[in-house]
């Protein structure tokens, strides 16, 4: 049983910077890494997608304000 667990640990992928930052409670670094991931994902989107997302968020916020 122990050998099996040790083998799993040896074969596990290395921790990501995000995982290390979370484990060590480095919340500013966590925020920066997440923001960087969001920017990378946004860059990969087709043109016009960001405008659509922002319009959707604006509509959601407007309906939330109206419900209050």
Protein backbone atom coordinates (compact mmCIF):
# COMPACT_ATOMS: atom_id res chain seq x y z
CA UNK A 1 0.00 0.00 0.00
CA UNK A 2 2.77 2.45 0.91
CA UNK A 3 4.71 1.63 -2.24
CA UNK A 4 1.65 2.38 -4.32
CA UNK A 5 1.17 5.76 -2.62
CA UNK A 6 4.85 6.61 -3.00
CA UNK A 7 4.70 5.77 -6.70
CA UNK A 8 1.67 8.03 -7.12
CA UNK A 9 3.50 10.90 -5.42
CA UNK A 10 6.60 10.42 -7.60
CA UNK A 11 4.49 10.34 -10.77
CA UNK A 12 2.30 13.30 -9.79
CA UNK A 13 2.68 16.41 -11.90
CA UNK A 14 4.53 19.26 -10.23
CA UNK A 15 2.46 21.79 -8.31
CA UNK A 16 1.36 24.82 -10.26
CA UNK A 17 2.31 28.29 -9.10
CA UNK A 18 -1.36 28.84 -8.28
CA UNK A 19 -1.53 25.76 -6.05
CA UNK A 20 1.62 26.77 -4.20
CA UNK A 21 0.36 30.34 -3.72
CA UNK A 22 -2.99 29.12 -2.37
CA UNK A 23 -1.35 26.67 0.02
CA UNK A 24 0.94 29.37 1.37
CA UNK A 25 -1.87 31.96 1.66
CA UNK A 26 -0.23 34.38 -0.76
CA UNK A 27 -3.54 35.92 -1.81
CA UNK A 28 -2.11 38.82 -3.80
CA UNK A 29 -0.13 36.34 -5.90
CA UNK A 30 -3.24 34.16 -6.27
CA UNK A 31 -5.18 37.17 -7.55
CA UNK A 32 -2.41 38.08 -9.98
CA UNK A 33 -2.15 34.53 -11.34
CA UNK A 34 -5.93 34.30 -11.79
CA UNK A 35 -6.03 37.68 -13.51
CA UNK A 36 -3.23 36.57 -15.81
CA UNK A 37 -5.19 33.41 -16.70
CA UNK A 38 -8.30 35.49 -17.44
CA UNK A 39 -6.32 37.79 -19.73
CA UNK A 40 -4.83 34.81 -21.57
CA UNK A 41 -8.30 33.30 -22.01
CA UNK A 42 -9.73 36.62 -23.21
CA UNK A 43 -6.97 36.96 -25.80
CA UNK A 44 -7.90 33.56 -27.22
CA UNK A 45 -11.57 34.52 -27.74
CA UNK A 46 -12.89 35.48 -31.17
CA UNK A 47 -13.26 39.21 -31.87
CA UNK A 48 -16.42 40.75 -30.43
CA UNK A 49 -16.84 38.16 -27.70
CA UNK A 50 -15.66 40.49 -24.93
CA UNK A 51 -18.20 43.11 -26.02
CA UNK A 52 -20.94 40.47 -25.85
CA UNK A 53 -19.84 39.40 -22.36
CA UNK A 54 -19.74 43.00 -21.13
CA UNK A 55 -23.21 43.65 -22.56
CA UNK A 56 -24.53 40.54 -20.82
CA UNK A 57 -22.99 41.62 -17.51
CA UNK A 58 -24.50 45.09 -17.88
CA UNK A 59 -27.95 43.61 -18.47
CA UNK A 60 -27.58 41.33 -15.44
CA UNK A 61 -26.50 44.22 -13.23
CA UNK A 62 -29.39 46.37 -14.48
CA UNK A 63 -31.91 43.64 -13.68
CA UNK A 64 -30.35 43.13 -10.24
CA UNK A 65 -30.67 46.85 -9.53
CA UNK A 66 -34.29 46.85 -10.68
CA UNK A 67 -35.09 43.92 -8.37
CA UNK A 68 -33.86 45.86 -5.34
